[in-house]
């Protein structure tokens, strides 16, 4: 029976495809996926070749499949973005491993020639090889879940916020890169309760003429006004700039300390993404409810102002946050 090459892949098809590429894998579990970009994330549990037993720990696999229902131009765009993500994530995982996940291997992987090909490959739905990235599996909790649980002390929140700013400062000032999709879901608290910044598919080098990411893979409710404008107008009127990450961090900071999104009321009323983006583009959150701490409120305010009035770099944010952190009393 001929498979419809334009139908969306099922979980079983995707997991069988990954199994055909990684023969030593004991278990394959799809974690998330975007059919519009062909990018999927899996958890892999490897087995030892000699004993056949499961190895200690797991790995995270991210692949980009040039699916047939995606146009050729968009397939190339998402493939290029994924290759850039591999390069950036690999570099950060080596030189800034306290803040970003380690990449074990990456490149192009093909279906195992000694194994029976899955039907999806035989009938042309999936390619025989695709780009992949194997990353350390962080056994921790997403910051979004931690915020929901609301069990952190004020000091814990300040420590988490500072660690994120240190990681972003290295990203901006040492590597010349911006993340462009900072949000609680992209922060994982590892086993030592240290925040690690993940999901660098929107990251780019902050060169003078590089436009902000407009790939349709951003998170609308954490977009800066300039990102929203770029998406709405479709015109690259803004260039890549660390201040975009600073704005999104300001939203994250408010959520961390208040337990709710800064635009909570608007999000509950505006159901269409385009309406949300227009709202965010025209209304930087100048008037916000207090987080309960005036110093944090001031940092949020300065981080989320209009672009030219915002903190100019993450070092200034760090300086203000370090003043908030209670000082040790020396006897």
C-alpha atoms as a PDB file:
ATOM      1  CA  UNK A   1       0.000   0.000   0.000  1.00  0.00           C
ATOM      2  CA  UNK A   2       1.403   3.428  -0.965  1.00  0.00           C
ATOM      3  CA  UNK A   3       1.826   5.794   1.976  1.00  0.00           C
ATOM      4  CA  UNK A   4       0.495   9.326   1.615  1.00  0.00           C
ATOM      5  CA  UNK A   5       3.729  11.337   1.631  1.00  0.00           C
ATOM      6  CA  UNK A   6       1.882  14.512   2.604  1.00  0.00           C
ATOM      7  CA  UNK A   7       0.244  13.140   5.756  1.00  0.00           C
ATOM      8  CA  UNK A   8       1.650  14.170   9.123  1.00  0.00           C
ATOM      9  CA  UNK A   9       3.975  11.632  10.766  1.00  0.00           C
ATOM     10  CA  UNK A  10       2.589   9.671  13.701  1.00  0.00           C
ATOM     11  CA  UNK A  11       4.394   9.112  16.990  1.00  0.00           C
ATOM     12  CA  UNK A  12       4.963   5.442  16.093  1.00  0.00           C
ATOM     13  CA  UNK A  13       6.410   6.319  12.678  1.00  0.00           C
ATOM     14  CA  UNK A  14       8.789   8.860  14.179  1.00  0.00           C
ATOM     15  CA  UNK A  15       9.972   6.510  16.919  1.00  0.00           C
ATOM     16  CA  UNK A  16      10.499   3.649  14.421  1.00  0.00           C
ATOM     17  CA  UNK A  17      12.490   6.005  12.201  1.00  0.00           C
ATOM     18  CA  UNK A  18      14.794   6.978  15.078  1.00  0.00           C
ATOM     19  CA  UNK A  19      15.141   3.325  16.111  1.00  0.00           C
ATOM     20  CA  UNK A  20      16.301   2.490  12.575  1.00  0.00           C
ATOM     21  CA  UNK A  21      19.083   5.087  12.865  1.00  0.00           C
ATOM     22  CA  UNK A  22      20.280   4.285  16.390  1.00  0.00           C
ATOM     23  CA  UNK A  23      20.540   0.510  16.631  1.00  0.00           C
ATOM     24  CA  UNK A  24      21.811   0.423  20.241  1.00  0.00           C
ATOM     25  CA  UNK A  25      18.821   2.351  21.532  1.00  0.00           C
ATOM     26  CA  UNK A  26      16.652   0.388  23.948  1.00  0.00           C
ATOM     27  CA  UNK A  27      13.786   2.879  24.261  1.00  0.00           C
ATOM     28  CA  UNK A  28      12.758   5.822  22.082  1.00  0.00           C
ATOM     29  CA  UNK A  29      10.198   8.303  23.412  1.00  0.00           C
ATOM     30  CA  UNK A  30       8.941  11.312  21.467  1.00  0.00           C
ATOM     31  CA  UNK A  31       8.947  14.360  23.764  1.00  0.00           C
ATOM     32  CA  UNK A  32       7.870  17.121  21.417  1.00  0.00           C
ATOM     33  CA  UNK A  33       7.645  17.977  17.752  1.00  0.00           C
ATOM     34  CA  UNK A  34       6.794  20.670  15.240  1.00  0.00           C
ATOM     35  CA  UNK A  35       5.247  19.353  12.062  1.00  0.00           C
ATOM     36  CA  UNK A  36       5.491  22.805  10.482  1.00  0.00           C
ATOM     37  CA  UNK A  37       9.300  22.775  10.735  1.00  0.00           C
ATOM     38  CA  UNK A  38      10.019  19.024  10.735  1.00  0.00           C
ATOM     39  CA  UNK A  39      11.898  19.297  14.041  1.00  0.00           C
ATOM     40  CA  UNK A  40      11.354  16.648  16.736  1.00  0.00           C
ATOM     41  CA  UNK A  41      12.826  15.893  20.155  1.00  0.00           C
ATOM     42  CA  UNK A  42      13.184  12.388  21.657  1.00  0.00           C
ATOM     43  CA  UNK A  43      14.497  10.773  24.792  1.00  0.00           C
ATOM     44  CA  UNK A  44      16.839   7.861  24.074  1.00  0.00           C
ATOM     45  CA  UNK A  45      17.903   5.094  26.451  1.00  0.00           C
ATOM     46  CA  UNK A  46      20.992   3.378  25.023  1.00  0.00           C
ATOM     47  CA  UNK A  47      22.083  -0.225  25.562  1.00  0.00           C
ATOM     48  CA  UNK A  48      25.574  -1.654  25.878  1.00  0.00           C
ATOM     49  CA  UNK A  49      26.683  -3.450  22.698  1.00  0.00           C
ATOM     50  CA  UNK A  50      28.272  -6.363  24.577  1.00  0.00           C
ATOM     51  CA  UNK A  51      25.722  -7.044  27.304  1.00  0.00           C
ATOM     52  CA  UNK A  52      22.553  -5.652  25.741  1.00  0.00           C
ATOM     53  CA  UNK A  53      21.746  -3.969  29.045  1.00  0.00           C
ATOM     54  CA  UNK A  54      20.560  -0.401  29.385  1.00  0.00           C
ATOM     55  CA  UNK A  55      23.343   2.098  29.986  1.00  0.00           C
ATOM     56  CA  UNK A  56      23.295   4.558  32.835  1.00  0.00           C
ATOM     57  CA  UNK A  57      21.406   7.754  31.981  1.00  0.00           C
ATOM     58  CA  UNK A  58      19.622   8.955  28.890  1.00  0.00           C
ATOM     59  CA  UNK A  59      20.260  11.266  25.974  1.00  0.00           C
ATOM     60  CA  UNK A  60      18.135  13.865  24.253  1.00  0.00           C
ATOM     61  CA  UNK A  61      17.914  13.572  20.476  1.00  0.00           C
ATOM     62  CA  UNK A  62      16.824  16.414  18.234  1.00  0.00           C
ATOM     63  CA  UNK A  63      16.365  15.813  14.514  1.00  0.00           C
ATOM     64  CA  UNK A  64      15.219  17.863  11.553  1.00  0.00           C
ATOM     65  CA  UNK A  65      13.374  15.865   8.884  1.00  0.00           C
ATOM     66  CA  UNK A  66      12.737  17.512   5.497  1.00  0.00           C
ATOM     67  CA  UNK A  67       9.135  16.293   5.306  1.00  0.00           C
ATOM     68  CA  UNK A  68       7.395  16.372   1.943  1.00  0.00           C
ATOM     69  CA  UNK A  69       4.446  18.472   3.098  1.00  0.00           C
ATOM     70  CA  UNK A  70       6.849  21.365   3.777  1.00  0.00           C
ATOM     71  CA  UNK A  71       7.733  23.436   0.713  1.00  0.00           C
ATOM     72  CA  UNK A  72      11.279  23.155  -0.652  1.00  0.00           C
ATOM     73  CA  UNK A  73      12.168  26.731   0.327  1.00  0.00           C
ATOM     74  CA  UNK A  74      10.910  26.252   3.902  1.00  0.00           C
ATOM     75  CA  UNK A  75      12.660  22.861   4.170  1.00  0.00           C
ATOM     76  CA  UNK A  76      15.949  24.564   3.314  1.00  0.00           C
ATOM     77  CA  UNK A  77      15.279  27.415   5.749  1.00  0.00           C
ATOM     78  CA  UNK A  78      14.578  25.076   8.662  1.00  0.00           C
ATOM     79  CA  UNK A  79      17.491  22.834   7.730  1.00  0.00           C
ATOM     80  CA  UNK A  80      19.837  25.845   7.712  1.00  0.00           C
ATOM     81  CA  UNK A  81      18.461  26.990  11.072  1.00  0.00           C
ATOM     82  CA  UNK A  82      18.993  23.517  12.534  1.00  0.00           C
ATOM     83  CA  UNK A  83      22.595  23.391  11.317  1.00  0.00           C
ATOM     84  CA  UNK A  84      23.195  26.767  12.957  1.00  0.00           C
ATOM     85  CA  UNK A  85      21.598  25.465  16.166  1.00  0.00           C
ATOM     86  CA  UNK A  86      23.962  22.474  16.115  1.00  0.00           C
ATOM     87  CA  UNK A  87      26.991  24.757  15.735  1.00  0.00           C
ATOM     88  CA  UNK A  88      25.930  27.180  18.477  1.00  0.00           C
ATOM     89  CA  UNK A  89      24.759  24.532  20.967  1.00  0.00           C
ATOM     90  CA  UNK A  90      27.904  22.440  20.456  1.00  0.00           C
ATOM     91  CA  UNK A  91      30.135  25.434  21.095  1.00  0.00           C
ATOM     92  CA  UNK A  92      28.251  26.623  24.189  1.00  0.00           C
ATOM     93  CA  UNK A  93      28.147  23.110  25.653  1.00  0.00           C
ATOM     94  CA  UNK A  94      31.951  22.980  25.548  1.00  0.00           C
ATOM     95  CA  UNK A  95      32.925  26.470  26.679  1.00  0.00           C
ATOM     96  CA  UNK A  96      29.949  27.391  28.887  1.00  0.00           C
ATOM     97  CA  UNK A  97      28.802  24.002  30.182  1.00  0.00           C
ATOM     98  CA  UNK A  98      27.576  25.417  33.509  1.00  0.00           C
ATOM     99  CA  UNK A  99      24.864  27.288  31.636  1.00  0.00           C
ATOM    100  CA  UNK A 100      24.127  25.223  28.509  1.00  0.00           C
ATOM    101  CA  UNK A 101      23.700  21.487  27.780  1.00  0.00           C
ATOM    102  CA  UNK A 102      26.573  19.368  26.476  1.00  0.00           C
ATOM    103  CA  UNK A 103      26.339  18.005  22.923  1.00  0.00           C
ATOM    104  CA  UNK A 104      27.579  14.402  22.636  1.00  0.00           C
ATOM    105  CA  UNK A 105      27.478  14.136  18.850  1.00  0.00           C
ATOM    106  CA  UNK A 106      25.839  15.856  15.889  1.00  0.00           C
ATOM    107  CA  UNK A 107      25.778  15.876  12.104  1.00  0.00           C
ATOM    108  CA  UNK A 108      24.030  13.716   9.513  1.00  0.00           C
ATOM    109  CA  UNK A 109      22.774  10.252  10.434  1.00  0.00           C
ATOM    110  CA  UNK A 110      21.456   7.617   8.050  1.00  0.00           C
ATOM    111  CA  UNK A 111      19.180   4.611   8.435  1.00  0.00           C
ATOM    112  CA  UNK A 112      21.130   1.505   9.493  1.00  0.00           C
ATOM    113  CA  UNK A 113      21.880  -0.398   6.270  1.00  0.00           C
ATOM    114  CA  UNK A 114      21.938  -3.735   8.085  1.00  0.00           C
ATOM    115  CA  UNK A 115      18.404  -3.310   9.414  1.00  0.00           C
ATOM    116  CA  UNK A 116      15.065  -3.493   7.687  1.00  0.00           C
ATOM    117  CA  UNK A 117      14.095  -0.015   6.531  1.00  0.00           C
ATOM    118  CA  UNK A 118      10.869   1.348   8.038  1.00  0.00           C
ATOM    119  CA  UNK A 119       7.954   1.718   5.635  1.00  0.00           C
ATOM    120  CA  UNK A 120       8.177   5.491   5.912  1.00  0.00           C
ATOM    121  CA  UNK A 121      11.612   5.384   4.272  1.00  0.00           C
ATOM    122  CA  UNK A 122      10.683   2.742   1.682  1.00  0.00           C
ATOM    123  CA  UNK A 123       7.770   4.828   0.456  1.00  0.00           C
ATOM    124  CA  UNK A 124       9.562   8.162   0.498  1.00  0.00           C
ATOM    125  CA  UNK A 125       7.806   9.775   3.450  1.00  0.00           C
ATOM    126  CA  UNK A 126      11.043  10.038   5.465  1.00  0.00           C
ATOM    127  CA  UNK A 127      14.537  10.504   3.968  1.00  0.00           C
ATOM    128  CA  UNK A 128      17.285   7.892   4.337  1.00  0.00           C
ATOM    129  CA  UNK A 129      19.392  10.374   6.313  1.00  0.00           C
ATOM    130  CA  UNK A 130      18.786  13.522   8.293  1.00  0.00           C
ATOM    131  CA  UNK A 131      20.475  16.077  10.543  1.00  0.00           C
ATOM    132  CA  UNK A 132      20.638  15.148  14.236  1.00  0.00           C
ATOM    133  CA  UNK A 133      21.998  16.378  17.548  1.00  0.00           C
ATOM    134  CA  UNK A 134      22.500  14.190  20.641  1.00  0.00           C
ATOM    135  CA  UNK A 135      22.484  16.287  23.806  1.00  0.00           C
ATOM    136  CA  UNK A 136      22.798  15.437  27.500  1.00  0.00           C
ATOM    137  CA  UNK A 137      19.442  14.679  29.085  1.00  0.00           C
ATOM    138  CA  UNK A 138      18.953  17.106  31.947  1.00  0.00           C
ATOM    139  CA  UNK A 139      17.261  15.358  34.842  1.00  0.00           C
ATOM    140  CA  UNK A 140      15.629  18.419  36.253  1.00  0.00           C
ATOM    141  CA  UNK A 141      12.512  20.535  36.234  1.00  0.00           C
ATOM    142  CA  UNK A 142      11.461  23.257  33.840  1.00  0.00           C
ATOM    143  CA  UNK A 143      11.335  26.704  35.385  1.00  0.00           C
ATOM    144  CA  UNK A 144       7.714  26.994  34.246  1.00  0.00           C
ATOM    145  CA  UNK A 145       6.818  24.028  36.496  1.00  0.00           C
ATOM    146  CA  UNK A 146       8.847  25.453  39.377  1.00  0.00           C
ATOM    147  CA  UNK A 147       6.975  28.759  39.082  1.00  0.00           C
ATOM    148  CA  UNK A 148       3.655  26.884  39.130  1.00  0.00           C
ATOM    149  CA  UNK A 149       4.622  24.995  42.288  1.00  0.00           C
ATOM    150  CA  UNK A 150       5.581  28.296  43.987  1.00  0.00           C
ATOM    151  CA  UNK A 151       7.834  26.679  46.612  1.00  0.00           C
ATOM    152  CA  UNK A 152      10.920  28.850  46.153  1.00  0.00           C
ATOM    153  CA  UNK A 153      12.206  31.288  48.730  1.00  0.00           C
ATOM    154  CA  UNK A 154      13.066  34.848  47.725  1.00  0.00           C
ATOM    155  CA  UNK A 155      16.794  34.017  47.950  1.00  0.00           C
ATOM    156  CA  UNK A 156      16.325  30.969  45.691  1.00  0.00           C
ATOM    157  CA  UNK A 157      14.579  33.125  43.112  1.00  0.00           C
ATOM    158  CA  UNK A 158      17.380  35.690  43.151  1.00  0.00           C
ATOM    159  CA  UNK A 159      19.997  32.928  42.760  1.00  0.00           C
ATOM    160  CA  UNK A 160      18.109  31.443  39.790  1.00  0.00           C
ATOM    161  CA  UNK A 161      17.675  34.849  38.152  1.00  0.00           C
ATOM    162  CA  UNK A 162      21.366  35.689  38.613  1.00  0.00           C
ATOM    163  CA  UNK A 163      22.548  32.380  37.158  1.00  0.00           C
ATOM    164  CA  UNK A 164      20.389  32.973  34.070  1.00  0.00           C
ATOM    165  CA  UNK A 165      21.804  36.487  33.664  1.00  0.00           C
ATOM    166  CA  UNK A 166      25.371  35.139  33.930  1.00  0.00           C
ATOM    167  CA  UNK A 167      24.591  32.629  31.177  1.00  0.00           C
ATOM    168  CA  UNK A 168      23.000  35.262  28.951  1.00  0.00           C
ATOM    169  CA  UNK A 169      25.861  37.675  29.593  1.00  0.00           C
ATOM    170  CA  UNK A 170      28.344  35.072  28.345  1.00  0.00           C
ATOM    171  CA  UNK A 171      26.130  34.413  25.357  1.00  0.00           C
ATOM    172  CA  UNK A 172      25.944  38.114  24.455  1.00  0.00           C
ATOM    173  CA  UNK A 173      29.317  39.533  25.442  1.00  0.00           C
ATOM    174  CA  UNK A 174      31.668  36.569  25.043  1.00  0.00           C
ATOM    175  CA  UNK A 175      30.108  34.815  22.041  1.00  0.00           C
ATOM    176  CA  UNK A 176      28.169  37.648  20.354  1.00  0.00           C
ATOM    177  CA  UNK A 177      24.993  35.533  20.195  1.00  0.00           C
ATOM    178  CA  UNK A 178      21.395  36.231  21.200  1.00  0.00           C
ATOM    179  CA  UNK A 179      18.925  33.505  22.181  1.00  0.00           C
ATOM    180  CA  UNK A 180      15.718  35.256  21.003  1.00  0.00           C
ATOM    181  CA  UNK A 181      13.310  32.889  22.785  1.00  0.00           C
ATOM    182  CA  UNK A 182      13.966  33.304  26.507  1.00  0.00           C
ATOM    183  CA  UNK A 183      11.037  31.946  28.549  1.00  0.00           C
ATOM    184  CA  UNK A 184      10.534  29.729  31.630  1.00  0.00           C
ATOM    185  CA  UNK A 185      10.055  26.593  29.473  1.00  0.00           C
ATOM    186  CA  UNK A 186      13.552  27.094  28.036  1.00  0.00           C
ATOM    187  CA  UNK A 187      15.192  27.077  31.469  1.00  0.00           C
ATOM    188  CA  UNK A 188      15.820  23.706  33.155  1.00  0.00           C
ATOM    189  CA  UNK A 189      16.888  23.455  36.781  1.00  0.00           C
ATOM    190  CA  UNK A 190      19.386  20.581  36.772  1.00  0.00           C
ATOM    191  CA  UNK A 191      20.041  18.052  39.547  1.00  0.00           C
ATOM    192  CA  UNK A 192      22.068  20.671  41.437  1.00  0.00           C
ATOM    193  CA  UNK A 193      19.217  23.166  41.069  1.00  0.00           C
ATOM    194  CA  UNK A 194      21.274  25.304  38.678  1.00  0.00           C
ATOM    195  CA  UNK A 195      19.439  26.842  35.696  1.00  0.00           C
ATOM    196  CA  UNK A 196      20.556  25.623  32.265  1.00  0.00           C
ATOM    197  CA  UNK A 197      19.436  27.485  29.142  1.00  0.00           C
ATOM    198  CA  UNK A 198      18.143  25.214  26.372  1.00  0.00           C
ATOM    199  CA  UNK A 199      16.487  25.275  22.945  1.00  0.00           C
ATOM    200  CA  UNK A 200      18.764  27.457  20.818  1.00  0.00           C
ATOM    201  CA  UNK A 201      16.885  27.002  17.535  1.00  0.00           C
ATOM    202  CA  UNK A 202      16.213  30.747  17.357  1.00  0.00           C
ATOM    203  CA  UNK A 203      19.736  31.796  18.417  1.00  0.00           C
ATOM    204  CA  UNK A 204      21.837  33.855  16.045  1.00  0.00           C
ATOM    205  CA  UNK A 205      25.036  35.856  15.895  1.00  0.00           C
ATOM    206  CA  UNK A 206      24.421  39.525  16.710  1.00  0.00           C
ATOM    207  CA  UNK A 207      26.091  40.923  13.607  1.00  0.00           C
ATOM    208  CA  UNK A 208      25.293  44.450  12.498  1.00  0.00           C
ATOM    209  CA  UNK A 209      23.006  43.598   9.593  1.00  0.00           C
ATOM    210  CA  UNK A 210      21.476  40.309  10.781  1.00  0.00           C
ATOM    211  CA  UNK A 211      17.686  40.756  11.214  1.00  0.00           C
ATOM    212  CA  UNK A 212      15.780  39.423  14.201  1.00  0.00           C
ATOM    213  CA  UNK A 213      14.585  35.842  13.796  1.00  0.00           C
ATOM    214  CA  UNK A 214      11.315  35.710  11.853  1.00  0.00           C
ATOM    215  CA  UNK A 215      11.168  31.956  11.348  1.00  0.00           C
ATOM    216  CA  UNK A 216       7.724  31.472  12.886  1.00  0.00           C
ATOM    217  CA  UNK A 217       9.202  29.473  15.765  1.00  0.00           C
ATOM    218  CA  UNK A 218       9.127  32.159  18.447  1.00  0.00           C
ATOM    219  CA  UNK A 219       6.816  32.193  21.481  1.00  0.00           C
ATOM    220  CA  UNK A 220       4.390  35.107  21.025  1.00  0.00           C
ATOM    221  CA  UNK A 221       3.756  35.863  24.712  1.00  0.00           C
ATOM    222  CA  UNK A 222       7.498  36.272  25.391  1.00  0.00           C
ATOM    223  CA  UNK A 223       8.296  38.316  22.278  1.00  0.00           C
ATOM    224  CA  UNK A 224       9.791  41.779  22.582  1.00  0.00           C
ATOM    225  CA  UNK A 225       7.871  44.624  20.875  1.00  0.00           C
ATOM    226  CA  UNK A 226      10.487  44.696  18.096  1.00  0.00           C
ATOM    227  CA  UNK A 227      10.108  40.958  17.496  1.00  0.00           C
ATOM    228  CA  UNK A 228       6.325  41.366  17.381  1.00  0.00           C
ATOM    229  CA  UNK A 229       6.645  44.205  14.893  1.00  0.00           C
ATOM    230  CA  UNK A 230       8.936  42.176  12.667  1.00  0.00           C
ATOM    231  CA  UNK A 231       6.544  39.220  12.643  1.00  0.00           C
ATOM    232  CA  UNK A 232       3.436  41.361  12.036  1.00  0.00           C
ATOM    233  CA  UNK A 233       4.915  43.518   9.265  1.00  0.00           C
ATOM    234  CA  UNK A 234       7.127  40.856   7.699  1.00  0.00           C
ATOM    235  CA  UNK A 235       9.740  43.580   7.186  1.00  0.00           C
ATOM    236  CA  UNK A 236      13.229  43.224   8.750  1.00  0.00           C
ATOM    237  CA  UNK A 237      13.177  46.673  10.359  1.00  0.00           C
ATOM    238  CA  UNK A 238      15.114  45.567  13.466  1.00  0.00           C
ATOM    239  CA  UNK A 239      18.518  43.901  13.659  1.00  0.00           C
ATOM    240  CA  UNK A 240      19.587  41.191  16.084  1.00  0.00           C
ATOM    241  CA  UNK A 241      20.248  42.853  19.438  1.00  0.00           C
ATOM    242  CA  UNK A 242      20.854  41.594  23.018  1.00  0.00           C
ATOM    243  CA  UNK A 243      18.152  43.997  24.224  1.00  0.00           C
ATOM    244  CA  UNK A 244      15.578  41.586  22.803  1.00  0.00           C
ATOM    245  CA  UNK A 245      16.754  38.903  25.250  1.00  0.00           C
ATOM    246  CA  UNK A 246      16.771  41.496  28.037  1.00  0.00           C
ATOM    247  CA  UNK A 247      13.095  42.264  27.386  1.00  0.00           C
ATOM    248  CA  UNK A 248      12.133  38.576  27.456  1.00  0.00           C
ATOM    249  CA  UNK A 249      14.222  38.094  30.603  1.00  0.00           C
ATOM    250  CA  UNK A 250      12.269  40.952  32.201  1.00  0.00           C
ATOM    251  CA  UNK A 251       9.028  39.073  31.511  1.00  0.00           C
ATOM    252  CA  UNK A 252      10.575  35.901  32.944  1.00  0.00           C
ATOM    253  CA  UNK A 253      11.812  37.769  36.032  1.00  0.00           C
ATOM    254  CA  UNK A 254       8.353  39.174  36.723  1.00  0.00           C
ATOM    255  CA  UNK A 255       6.819  35.716  36.354  1.00  0.00           C
ATOM    256  CA  UNK A 256       9.439  34.137  38.624  1.00  0.00           C
ATOM    257  CA  UNK A 257       8.735  36.586  41.467  1.00  0.00           C
ATOM    258  CA  UNK A 258       4.993  37.167  41.009  1.00  0.00           C
ATOM    259  CA  UNK A 259       3.865  33.710  39.823  1.00  0.00           C
ATOM    260  CA  UNK A 260       2.022  35.077  36.779  1.00  0.00           C
ATOM    261  CA  UNK A 261       2.774  36.459  33.340  1.00  0.00           C
ATOM    262  CA  UNK A 262       3.096  40.209  33.051  1.00  0.00           C
ATOM    263  CA  UNK A 263       0.381  40.209  30.352  1.00  0.00           C
ATOM    264  CA  UNK A 264      -1.858  37.734  32.194  1.00  0.00           C
ATOM    265  CA  UNK A 265      -5.082  39.693  31.650  1.00  0.00           C
ATOM    266  CA  UNK A 266      -4.436  40.377  27.957  1.00  0.00           C
ATOM    267  CA  UNK A 267      -3.514  36.739  27.275  1.00  0.00           C
ATOM    268  CA  UNK A 268      -6.796  35.575  28.820  1.00  0.00           C
ATOM    269  CA  UNK A 269      -8.803  37.895  26.558  1.00  0.00           C
ATOM    270  CA  UNK A 270      -6.914  37.828  23.253  1.00  0.00           C
ATOM    271  CA  UNK A 271      -7.148  34.409  21.622  1.00  0.00           C
ATOM    272  CA  UNK A 272      -5.492  35.044  18.256  1.00  0.00           C
ATOM    273  CA  UNK A 273      -1.716  35.182  18.002  1.00  0.00           C
ATOM    274  CA  UNK A 274      -1.822  38.167  15.636  1.00  0.00           C
ATOM    275  CA  UNK A 275      -3.894  40.143  18.154  1.00  0.00           C
ATOM    276  CA  UNK A 276      -1.476  39.259  20.949  1.00  0.00           C
ATOM    277  CA  UNK A 277       1.504  40.359  18.883  1.00  0.00           C
ATOM    278  CA  UNK A 278      -0.133  43.671  17.993  1.00  0.00           C
ATOM    279  CA  UNK A 279      -0.917  44.203  21.666  1.00  0.00           C
ATOM    280  CA  UNK A 280       2.666  43.438  22.734  1.00  0.00           C
ATOM    281  CA  UNK A 281       4.095  45.581  19.935  1.00  0.00           C
ATOM    282  CA  UNK A 282       2.126  48.667  20.973  1.00  0.00           C
ATOM    283  CA  UNK A 283       2.154  48.303  24.770  1.00  0.00           C
ATOM    284  CA  UNK A 284       5.447  47.721  26.530  1.00  0.00           C
ATOM    285  CA  UNK A 285       4.401  46.890  30.122  1.00  0.00           C
ATOM    286  CA  UNK A 286       5.190  50.257  31.730  1.00  0.00           C
ATOM    287  CA  UNK A 287       2.443  49.918  34.340  1.00  0.00           C
ATOM    288  CA  UNK A 288       2.761  46.585  36.096  1.00  0.00           C
ATOM    289  CA  UNK A 289       1.484  45.148  39.326  1.00  0.00           C
ATOM    290  CA  UNK A 290       4.148  44.799  41.986  1.00  0.00           C
ATOM    291  CA  UNK A 291       6.019  41.548  42.505  1.00  0.00           C
ATOM    292  CA  UNK A 292       6.125  42.400  46.201  1.00  0.00           C
ATOM    293  CA  UNK A 293       9.696  43.711  46.036  1.00  0.00           C
ATOM    294  CA  UNK A 294      10.387  47.278  44.807  1.00  0.00           C
ATOM    295  CA  UNK A 295      13.948  46.450  43.692  1.00  0.00           C
ATOM    296  CA  UNK A 296      12.729  43.577  41.499  1.00  0.00           C
ATOM    297  CA  UNK A 297       9.940  45.791  40.181  1.00  0.00           C
ATOM    298  CA  UNK A 298      12.513  48.378  39.145  1.00  0.00           C
ATOM    299  CA  UNK A 299      14.607  45.787  37.263  1.00  0.00           C
ATOM    300  CA  UNK A 300      11.518  44.446  35.477  1.00  0.00           C
ATOM    301  CA  UNK A 301      10.513  48.014  34.582  1.00  0.00           C
ATOM    302  CA  UNK A 302      13.931  48.865  33.124  1.00  0.00           C
ATOM    303  CA  UNK A 303      14.184  45.555  31.265  1.00  0.00           C
ATOM    304  CA  UNK A 304      10.775  45.847  29.580  1.00  0.00           C
ATOM    305  CA  UNK A 305      10.747  49.457  28.458  1.00  0.00           C
ATOM    306  CA  UNK A 306      10.869  50.529  24.807  1.00  0.00           C
ATOM    307  CA  UNK A 307      14.021  49.316  23.089  1.00  0.00           C
ATOM    308  CA  UNK A 308      15.991  52.586  23.284  1.00  0.00           C
ATOM    309  CA  UNK A 309      15.088  53.050  26.979  1.00  0.00           C
ATOM    310  CA  UNK A 310      15.886  49.483  28.045  1.00  0.00           C
ATOM    311  CA  UNK A 311      18.991  48.148  29.783  1.00  0.00           C
ATOM    312  CA  UNK A 312      21.660  48.277  27.076  1.00  0.00           C
ATOM    313  CA  UNK A 313      23.388  45.063  28.163  1.00  0.00           C
ATOM    314  CA  UNK A 314      23.067  42.183  30.600  1.00  0.00           C
ATOM    315  CA  UNK A 315      25.941  43.402  32.796  1.00  0.00           C
ATOM    316  CA  UNK A 316      23.739  46.264  34.011  1.00  0.00           C
ATOM    317  CA  UNK A 317      20.975  43.791  34.864  1.00  0.00           C
ATOM    318  CA  UNK A 318      23.482  41.678  36.812  1.00  0.00           C
ATOM    319  CA  UNK A 319      24.679  44.729  38.730  1.00  0.00           C
ATOM    320  CA  UNK A 320      21.138  45.591  39.859  1.00  0.00           C
ATOM    321  CA  UNK A 321      20.261  41.981  40.721  1.00  0.00           C
ATOM    322  CA  UNK A 322      23.401  41.556  42.821  1.00  0.00           C
ATOM    323  CA  UNK A 323      22.310  44.560  44.896  1.00  0.00           C
ATOM    324  CA  UNK A 324      19.039  42.756  45.632  1.00  0.00           C
ATOM    325  CA  UNK A 325      20.749  39.608  46.866  1.00  0.00           C
ATOM    326  CA  UNK A 326      20.999  39.755  50.678  1.00  0.00           C
ATOM    327  CA  UNK A 327      24.547  40.266  51.907  1.00  0.00           C
ATOM    328  CA  UNK A 328      26.114  37.819  54.368  1.00  0.00           C
ATOM    329  CA  UNK A 329      26.510  39.288  57.851  1.00  0.00           C
ATOM    330  CA  UNK A 330      30.095  38.995  59.047  1.00  0.00           C
ATOM    331  CA  UNK A 331      30.680  38.567  62.812  1.00  0.00           C
END
